[in-house]
Amino acid sequence: MQKLTALTFAATVAVTGHAFAQDDVDRTGWPDSFTVGTASQGGTYFAYGSGWANLVADELGVSGGGEVTGGPMQNMALVHTGDAQFGMTTMGPAAESLAGTNPIAPGLAMSNACAMFPMYQTPFSVTALSSSGITAVADIPDGARIGFGPAGSTSDTYFPRMMEELGVDFERRNGGWSDLGGQLQDGLLDVIAFAAGVPVPAVSQLEVQTDVNIIEFTEEEQAKIMAAFPVSAFEIAADTYTTLEAPARSVSMWNFAIANCDLPASFVEAAVDVVMSDNERMVNIHRAARSTLPENWDKNGVLKWHPGAAQWFKENAGADIPDDMIHGM
């Protein structure tokens, strides 16, 4: 089995031309398998995370795959404890987890989850059925049943607060994105408030099955949210969904892949190389990966870098990562 794995790995390197030829990699301490903490099925995290997990497994000859989780907050906990080797999170939940305010383990500073590579921005967007007549945030009726995604997800952590900031009165509902999409279609929800990389699979599926409204923020709403939360301005491109006829005004938060800080540097560096060396393959996994580019390393100002990841970005992206932002230095 070891010989077969080595041959497979060497053949892959020969085809892809990646920097990590078999003879150059010290595999001491590498795990026999790995998991990537994603989120619920029907969301971007699951599609994107399962995709890069399979890609890394195939390229490196190590068994691995994506795992359904509750999203960024739970992923920080799983990676911190080592129950998952890799995961994905957004900068807001990452900061809260480091500060010990992650609701999964209040008081625990989750400092053993390290930055691995930049993924994409998560836009916050609102979707309703066209038949509801809701075309703007101001149209959402008092007491509306709003699905905010899995409990503890980025959407569930921030979107209810954003809605309150905008004066929306609502009844909070949680669940996986696919389930919430079904509930919206069945009339059990009035609105879904998505925080996920676009296109969100659940929204794309809804577009095929029924008529939906993808609701943008007004300039005033956007400015109010940006003043109150760690987000930046964002536009959802018109070609993201068939429903959109023009770009939709939104706000967004950056996502990063994370690694358990105790993983061997050579393993993490090799995994980063697989993901970051061929953006076209990543975009084929999910269009949100158009932002999974080496130059976006500087979007992390929260998490300490895994030494293996920091080494890759220093050597391949000219990253100026200070020592005090690298784990163990």
Protein backbone atom coordinates (compact mmCIF):
# COMPACT_ATOMS: atom_id res chain seq x y z
CA MET A 1 0.00 0.00 0.00
CA GLN A 2 2.83 2.41 0.84
CA LYS A 3 4.48 1.71 -2.52
CA LEU A 4 1.23 2.24 -4.39
CA THR A 5 0.62 5.55 -2.63
CA ALA A 6 4.14 6.76 -3.39
CA LEU A 7 3.84 5.84 -7.08
CA THR A 8 0.47 7.56 -7.33
CA PHE A 9 1.86 10.68 -5.71
CA ALA A 10 4.93 10.78 -7.94
CA ALA A 11 2.81 10.34 -11.07
CA THR A 12 0.51 13.15 -10.00
CA VAL A 13 3.40 15.54 -9.42
CA ALA A 14 4.82 14.69 -12.83
CA VAL A 15 1.51 15.57 -14.48
CA THR A 16 0.68 18.75 -12.52
CA GLY A 17 4.15 20.21 -12.18
CA HIS A 18 3.55 21.26 -8.58
CA ALA A 19 6.47 22.36 -6.45
CA PHE A 20 6.30 19.32 -4.21
CA ALA A 21 8.04 16.45 -5.98
CA GLN A 22 8.00 13.28 -3.93
CA ASP A 23 11.75 13.31 -3.17
CA ASP A 24 11.54 16.84 -1.77
CA VAL A 25 8.84 16.15 0.81
CA ASP A 26 9.51 14.89 4.32
CA ARG A 27 6.37 12.93 5.24
CA THR A 28 7.37 12.38 8.84
CA GLY A 29 4.32 12.65 11.07
CA TRP A 30 1.81 12.99 8.24
CA PRO A 31 -1.64 11.67 9.20
CA ASP A 32 -2.98 8.54 7.51
CA SER A 33 -6.21 10.42 6.80
CA PHE A 34 -7.77 13.85 7.29
CA THR A 35 -11.14 15.57 7.41
CA VAL A 36 -12.14 19.09 6.43
CA GLY A 37 -14.89 20.64 8.55
CA THR A 38 -17.37 22.31 6.18
CA ALA A 39 -21.01 23.14 7.01
CA SER A 40 -24.48 21.91 6.07
CA GLN A 41 -25.30 20.32 2.71
CA GLY A 42 -26.73 22.82 0.22
CA GLY A 43 -24.34 25.55 1.33
CA THR A 44 -21.15 26.80 -0.31
CA TYR A 45 -18.89 25.55 2.48
CA PHE A 46 -19.93 21.96 1.89
CA ALA A 47 -19.47 22.10 -1.89
CA TYR A 48 -16.21 24.07 -1.76
CA GLY A 49 -14.74 22.22 1.23
CA SER A 50 -15.55 18.73 -0.01
CA GLY A 51 -14.04 19.69 -3.36
CA TRP A 52 -10.67 20.85 -2.07
CA ALA A 53 -10.55 17.99 0.44
CA ASN A 54 -10.90 15.47 -2.38
CA LEU A 55 -8.36 17.35 -4.50
CA VAL A 56 -5.76 17.34 -1.73
CA ALA A 57 -6.44 13.67 -0.97
CA ASP A 58 -5.98 12.71 -4.61
CA GLU A 59 -2.86 14.80 -5.11
CA LEU A 60 -1.07 13.82 -1.90
CA GLY A 61 -2.15 10.21 -1.74
CA VAL A 62 -3.71 10.61 1.71
CA SER A 63 -7.28 9.54 2.46
CA GLY A 64 -9.44 12.56 3.20
CA GLY A 65 -12.76 14.28 2.61
CA GLY A 66 -15.24 16.91 3.72
CA GLU A 67 -17.40 16.51 6.83
CA VAL A 68 -20.82 18.06 7.47
CA THR A 69 -20.62 20.41 10.47
CA GLY A 70 -22.42 23.37 11.98
CA GLY A 71 -20.15 25.78 10.11
CA PRO A 72 -17.39 28.26 11.07
CA MET A 73 -17.87 28.31 14.85
CA GLN A 74 -17.92 24.52 15.14
CA ASN A 75 -15.05 24.22 12.67
CA MET A 76 -12.89 26.44 14.89
CA ALA A 77 -13.62 24.11 17.81
CA LEU A 78 -13.03 20.91 15.83
CA VAL A 79 -9.74 22.11 14.37
CA HIS A 80 -8.55 23.53 17.70
CA THR A 81 -9.05 20.18 19.42
CA GLY A 82 -7.69 18.17 16.49
CA ASP A 83 -10.99 16.34 15.90
CA ALA A 84 -10.72 17.74 12.37
CA GLN A 85 -7.35 18.36 10.78
CA PHE A 86 -8.63 21.12 8.52
CA GLY A 87 -11.68 23.35 8.42
CA MET A 88 -13.07 26.61 7.11
CA THR A 89 -14.10 29.73 8.99
CA THR A 90 -14.89 33.40 8.55
CA MET A 91 -12.92 36.18 10.19
CA GLY A 92 -15.73 37.20 12.57
CA PRO A 93 -16.22 33.76 14.15
CA ALA A 94 -12.43 33.27 14.15
CA ALA A 95 -11.95 36.44 16.19
CA GLU A 96 -14.71 35.45 18.60
CA SER A 97 -13.22 31.98 19.01
CA LEU A 98 -9.77 33.39 19.81
CA ALA A 99 -11.37 35.73 22.35
CA GLY A 100 -13.10 32.83 24.09
CA THR A 101 -16.62 33.86 23.10
CA ASN A 102 -17.39 30.96 20.77
CA PRO A 103 -20.80 29.71 22.03
CA ILE A 104 -19.70 26.09 21.57
CA ALA A 105 -17.11 26.42 24.38
CA PRO A 106 -17.47 29.77 26.17
CA GLY A 107 -14.28 30.86 27.86
CA LEU A 108 -12.00 28.65 25.75
CA ALA A 109 -9.52 30.59 23.61
CA MET A 110 -9.26 28.44 20.48
CA SER A 111 -5.68 29.36 19.64
CA ASN A 112 -4.68 26.00 18.14
CA ALA A 113 -6.50 26.68 14.87
CA CYS A 114 -4.11 28.31 12.38
CA ALA A 115 -4.65 30.17 9.11
CA MET A 116 -4.03 27.99 6.05
CA PHE A 117 -5.12 29.86 2.88
CA PRO A 118 -7.61 32.56 1.77
CA MET A 119 -10.84 31.22 0.29
CA TYR A 120 -13.37 33.88 -0.70
CA GLN A 121 -15.65 36.55 0.62
CA THR A 122 -19.00 35.57 2.11
CA PRO A 123 -21.76 37.93 0.97
CA PHE A 124 -24.82 38.39 3.14
CA SER A 125 -27.95 38.19 1.00
CA VAL A 126 -31.68 37.81 1.39
CA THR A 127 -33.94 35.57 -0.70
CA ALA A 128 -37.73 35.32 -0.79
CA LEU A 129 -40.29 33.78 -3.12
CA SER A 130 -41.49 36.20 -5.79
CA SER A 131 -45.06 35.34 -4.77
CA SER A 132 -44.39 36.86 -1.32
CA GLY A 133 -44.17 40.37 -2.75
CA ILE A 134 -41.01 40.99 -0.71
CA THR A 135 -38.59 42.94 -2.92
CA ALA A 136 -36.69 44.92 -0.26
CA VAL A 137 -35.65 44.55 3.37
CA ALA A 138 -38.25 47.19 4.24
CA ASP A 139 -40.95 44.89 2.80
CA ILE A 140 -40.26 42.10 5.31
CA PRO A 141 -43.38 42.00 7.51
CA ASP A 142 -43.30 42.08 11.30
CA GLY A 143 -42.96 38.60 12.75
CA ALA A 144 -41.59 37.17 9.49
CA ARG A 145 -40.19 33.67 9.75
CA ILE A 146 -36.55 34.00 8.68
CA GLY A 147 -34.19 31.07 8.17
CA PHE A 148 -30.66 31.99 9.25
CA GLY A 149 -28.86 28.73 8.48
CA PRO A 150 -27.35 26.24 10.93
CA ALA A 151 -27.08 27.33 14.55
CA GLY A 152 -23.65 28.82 15.19
CA SER A 153 -22.92 29.46 11.51
CA THR A 154 -21.64 32.80 10.27
CA SER A 155 -25.12 33.61 9.02
CA ASP A 156 -26.78 32.66 12.30
CA THR A 157 -24.17 34.58 14.30
CA TYR A 158 -24.36 37.87 12.41
CA PHE A 159 -27.47 38.09 10.22
CA PRO A 160 -30.01 38.26 13.07
CA ARG A 161 -28.05 41.15 14.57
CA MET A 162 -27.95 42.85 11.16
CA MET A 163 -31.70 42.48 10.76
CA GLU A 164 -32.23 43.96 14.22
CA GLU A 165 -29.92 46.83 13.30
CA LEU A 166 -32.16 47.49 10.27
CA GLY A 167 -35.30 47.42 12.42
CA VAL A 168 -36.69 44.10 11.15
CA ASP A 169 -38.95 42.19 13.55
CA PHE A 170 -38.68 38.45 12.94
CA GLU A 171 -39.08 34.91 14.18
CA ARG A 172 -35.74 33.11 14.08
CA ARG A 173 -35.44 29.69 12.42
CA ASN A 174 -32.37 27.48 12.00
CA GLY A 175 -31.49 24.53 9.79
CA GLY A 176 -29.33 23.36 6.91
CA TRP A 177 -29.51 25.45 3.75
CA SER A 178 -31.16 22.71 1.68
CA ASP A 179 -33.82 22.17 4.35
CA LEU A 180 -34.49 25.89 4.66
CA GLY A 181 -34.79 26.19 0.89
CA GLY A 182 -37.44 23.47 0.95
CA GLN A 183 -39.27 25.22 3.79
CA LEU A 184 -39.26 28.51 1.87
CA GLN A 185 -40.69 26.79 -1.18
CA ASP A 186 -43.37 25.10 0.96
CA GLY A 187 -44.43 28.38 2.56
CA LEU A 188 -43.06 27.51 6.01
CA LEU A 189 -40.59 30.41 5.86
CA ASP A 190 -41.01 33.96 4.58
CA VAL A 191 -37.34 34.75 3.97
CA ILE A 192 -33.94 33.07 4.01
CA ALA A 193 -30.97 35.21 5.09
CA PHE A 194 -27.91 33.63 3.49
CA ALA A 195 -24.29 34.20 4.44
CA ALA A 196 -22.40 31.94 2.05
CA GLY A 197 -20.11 32.12 -0.96
CA VAL A 198 -21.98 32.72 -4.18
CA PRO A 199 -23.61 31.12 -5.95
CA VAL A 200 -25.27 29.46 -2.98
CA PRO A 201 -26.29 25.97 -4.18
CA ALA A 202 -29.63 26.16 -2.36
CA VAL A 203 -30.52 29.43 -4.15
CA SER A 204 -29.49 28.04 -7.52
CA GLN A 205 -31.73 25.04 -6.86
CA LEU A 206 -34.65 27.29 -5.86
CA GLU A 207 -34.27 29.26 -9.11
CA VAL A 208 -34.76 26.05 -11.07
CA GLN A 209 -37.91 25.11 -9.16
CA THR A 210 -39.70 28.41 -8.58
CA ASP A 211 -39.52 32.21 -8.97
CA VAL A 212 -37.46 33.99 -6.31
CA ASN A 213 -36.42 37.52 -5.43
CA ILE A 214 -32.79 38.09 -4.48
CA ILE A 215 -32.99 41.20 -2.34
CA GLU A 216 -30.17 43.72 -2.17
CA PHE A 217 -29.46 46.25 0.57
CA THR A 218 -30.05 49.93 -0.10
CA GLU A 219 -27.01 52.20 0.14
CA GLU A 220 -28.24 53.41 3.53
CA GLU A 221 -28.75 49.85 4.81
CA GLN A 222 -25.33 48.80 3.55
CA ALA A 223 -23.64 51.76 5.28
CA LYS A 224 -25.49 51.09 8.54
CA ILE A 225 -24.40 47.43 8.60
CA MET A 226 -20.79 48.27 7.73
CA ALA A 227 -20.66 50.75 10.62
CA ALA A 228 -21.86 48.13 13.10
CA PHE A 229 -20.19 44.88 12.00
CA PRO A 230 -16.77 43.58 10.74
CA VAL A 231 -17.84 43.50 7.08
CA SER A 232 -17.02 45.36 3.88
CA ALA A 233 -18.95 46.46 0.80
CA PHE A 234 -19.61 43.78 -1.81
CA GLU A 235 -21.55 43.38 -5.06
CA ILE A 236 -23.07 40.07 -6.11
CA ALA A 237 -22.36 39.94 -9.84
CA ALA A 238 -25.38 39.85 -12.15
CA ASP A 239 -24.25 36.59 -13.75
CA THR A 240 -24.19 34.80 -10.38
CA TYR A 241 -27.88 33.88 -10.58
CA THR A 242 -30.33 33.75 -13.48
CA THR A 243 -32.75 35.80 -11.34
CA LEU A 244 -30.44 38.83 -11.17
CA GLU A 245 -30.59 41.40 -13.94
CA ALA A 246 -28.00 43.72 -12.36
CA PRO A 247 -25.37 43.51 -9.61
CA ALA A 248 -26.89 43.26 -6.12
CA ARG A 249 -25.55 45.46 -3.32
CA SER A 250 -24.37 43.44 -0.32
CA VAL A 251 -21.77 43.22 2.44
CA SER A 252 -19.21 40.46 2.94
CA MET A 253 -16.77 38.82 5.33
CA TRP A 254 -13.58 36.96 4.34
CA ASN A 255 -13.26 33.19 4.73
CA PHE A 256 -10.05 31.28 5.40
CA ALA A 257 -9.17 27.63 5.47
CA ILE A 258 -7.72 26.61 8.83
CA ALA A 259 -5.41 23.83 9.99
CA ASN A 260 -4.69 22.34 13.39
CA CYS A 261 -1.52 24.12 14.45
CA ASP A 262 0.17 20.85 15.48
CA LEU A 263 0.06 19.31 11.98
CA PRO A 264 3.49 18.78 10.36
CA ALA A 265 4.61 21.86 8.45
CA SER A 266 5.47 19.77 5.38
CA PHE A 267 1.95 18.33 5.22
CA VAL A 268 0.22 21.70 5.47
CA GLU A 269 2.63 23.30 3.00
CA ALA A 270 1.96 20.50 0.50
CA ALA A 271 -1.81 20.82 0.94
CA VAL A 272 -1.64 24.59 0.44
CA ASP A 273 0.41 24.06 -2.71
CA VAL A 274 -2.25 21.77 -4.17
CA VAL A 275 -5.00 24.33 -3.59
CA MET A 276 -3.16 27.53 -4.46
CA SER A 277 -1.10 26.38 -7.48
CA ASP A 278 -4.00 25.85 -9.88
CA ASN A 279 -6.88 28.30 -9.47
CA GLU A 280 -8.68 27.01 -12.55
CA ARG A 281 -9.21 23.64 -10.90
CA MET A 282 -10.53 25.33 -7.77
CA VAL A 283 -12.95 27.45 -9.80
CA ASN A 284 -14.20 24.25 -11.43
CA ILE A 285 -15.04 23.04 -7.91
CA HIS A 286 -16.91 26.25 -7.06
CA ARG A 287 -17.03 29.69 -8.68
CA ALA A 288 -16.41 31.36 -5.31
CA ALA A 289 -12.81 30.13 -5.67
CA ARG A 290 -12.15 32.96 -8.12
CA SER A 291 -10.91 34.75 -4.99
CA THR A 292 -8.77 31.81 -3.80
CA LEU A 293 -5.62 33.56 -4.97
CA PRO A 294 -2.15 33.83 -3.40
CA GLU A 295 -2.28 37.64 -3.28
CA ASN A 296 -5.22 37.50 -0.88
CA TRP A 297 -3.02 36.17 1.92
CA ASP A 298 -3.15 39.64 3.47
CA LYS A 299 -6.89 39.39 4.18
CA ASN A 300 -6.07 37.53 7.40
CA GLY A 301 -5.47 39.89 10.30
CA VAL A 302 -6.91 37.62 12.97
CA LEU A 303 -5.44 34.10 13.04
CA LYS A 304 -1.81 33.10 13.44
CA TRP A 305 -0.52 31.31 10.37
CA HIS A 306 0.43 27.66 10.37
CA PRO A 307 4.23 27.57 9.81
CA GLY A 308 3.82 25.37 6.72
CA ALA A 309 1.27 27.73 5.18
CA ALA A 310 3.36 30.79 6.02
CA GLN A 311 6.36 29.20 4.32
CA TRP A 312 4.37 28.60 1.12
CA PHE A 313 3.05 32.17 0.93
CA LYS A 314 6.46 33.67 1.69
CA GLU A 315 8.10 31.63 -1.07
CA ASN A 316 5.34 31.79 -3.69
CA ALA A 317 3.41 35.02 -3.04
CA GLY A 318 6.08 37.26 -1.56
CA ALA A 319 4.04 37.41 1.63
CA ASP A 320 5.47 39.64 4.32
CA ILE A 321 4.12 37.72 7.31
CA PRO A 322 5.65 38.92 10.60
CA ASP A 323 7.04 36.30 12.96
CA ASP A 324 4.53 37.20 15.66
CA MET A 325 1.72 36.15 13.27
CA ILE A 326 3.20 32.65 12.76
CA HIS A 327 2.35 29.92 15.26
CA GLY A 328 5.29 28.88 17.42
CA MET A 329 7.54 31.80 16.48
